[in-house]
Amino acid sequence: MYSNWNSPNSQYQTDHRQINHDQQQVMQRLANLEHRLELLLSSLEKTNETLRSIEELQNRVCTTGGGGAVIVRM
């Protein structure tokens, strides 16, 4: 019943070159995705650092009094 599936003339015969090419494409896409994730993580870290700096600056109020500057934390 299925004897012709592995025959040289079978339309279902596996082309190993195509599989190898497909595997290379998948590996390249995974490498590209990994690189993009690294860039995204780096960007998020920089954004978080900037937000922390902004928050720190917002928590300080500098007022000038008679004897000098006073930093008040809110």
Protein backbone atom coordinates (compact mmCIF):
# COMPACT_ATOMS: atom_id res chain seq x y z
CA MET A 1 0.00 0.00 0.00
CA TYR A 2 2.75 2.50 0.93
CA SER A 3 5.62 0.86 -0.92
CA ASN A 4 5.97 3.70 -3.42
CA TRP A 5 6.54 6.41 -0.76
CA ASN A 6 10.27 5.74 -0.54
CA SER A 7 10.80 5.14 -4.21
CA PRO A 8 13.08 7.52 -6.16
CA ASN A 9 10.15 8.75 -8.24
CA SER A 10 7.89 9.44 -5.31
CA GLN A 11 6.44 12.93 -5.05
CA TYR A 12 6.86 12.62 -1.28
CA GLN A 13 10.58 11.99 -1.42
CA THR A 14 12.48 14.22 0.98
CA ASP A 15 14.95 16.66 -0.52
CA HIS A 16 17.74 16.85 2.05
CA ARG A 17 19.13 20.02 0.51
CA GLN A 18 15.80 21.75 1.08
CA ILE A 19 15.67 20.55 4.70
CA ASN A 20 19.24 21.77 5.27
CA HIS A 21 18.37 25.14 3.73
CA ASP A 22 15.22 25.38 5.86
CA GLN A 23 17.22 24.57 9.00
CA GLN A 24 19.76 27.26 8.11
CA GLN A 25 16.94 29.77 7.64
CA VAL A 26 15.43 28.86 11.01
CA MET A 27 18.81 29.16 12.74
CA GLN A 28 19.45 32.54 11.08
CA ARG A 29 16.03 33.80 12.14
CA LEU A 30 16.62 32.61 15.71
CA ALA A 31 20.01 34.36 15.80
CA ASN A 32 18.41 37.54 14.45
CA LEU A 33 15.64 37.31 17.04
CA GLU A 34 18.18 36.78 19.82
CA HIS A 35 20.10 39.87 18.69
CA ARG A 36 16.92 41.96 18.62
CA LEU A 37 16.00 40.78 22.11
CA GLU A 38 19.44 41.80 23.36
CA LEU A 39 18.95 45.26 21.85
CA LEU A 40 15.50 45.50 23.42
CA LEU A 41 16.82 44.51 26.85
CA SER A 42 19.64 47.03 26.59
CA SER A 43 17.17 49.74 25.65
CA LEU A 44 14.89 48.82 28.55
CA GLU A 45 17.81 48.96 30.99
CA LYS A 46 18.77 52.44 29.76
CA THR A 47 15.15 53.59 29.97
CA ASN A 48 14.84 52.27 33.52
CA GLU A 49 18.04 54.05 34.51
CA THR A 50 16.73 57.30 33.05
CA LEU A 51 13.41 56.89 34.84
CA ARG A 52 15.20 56.27 38.14
CA SER A 53 17.23 59.45 37.64
CA ILE A 54 14.09 61.44 36.85
CA GLU A 55 12.33 60.03 39.89
CA GLU A 56 15.30 60.90 42.09
CA LEU A 57 15.34 64.46 40.76
CA GLN A 58 11.60 64.81 41.31
CA ASN A 59 11.98 63.65 44.91
CA ARG A 60 14.39 66.50 45.65
CA VAL A 61 13.29 70.04 46.08
CA CYS A 62 16.05 72.57 46.46
CA THR A 63 15.07 75.75 48.24
CA THR A 64 17.27 78.73 48.90
CA GLY A 65 17.03 80.12 52.41
CA GLY A 66 18.96 82.69 54.38
CA GLY A 67 21.90 80.44 55.20
CA GLY A 68 22.18 78.42 51.99
CA ALA A 69 20.48 75.65 50.07
CA VAL A 70 18.37 73.01 51.78
CA ILE A 71 17.53 69.76 50.04
CA VAL A 72 14.18 68.34 51.08
CA ARG A 73 13.14 64.80 50.19
CA MET A 74 9.46 64.28 49.56
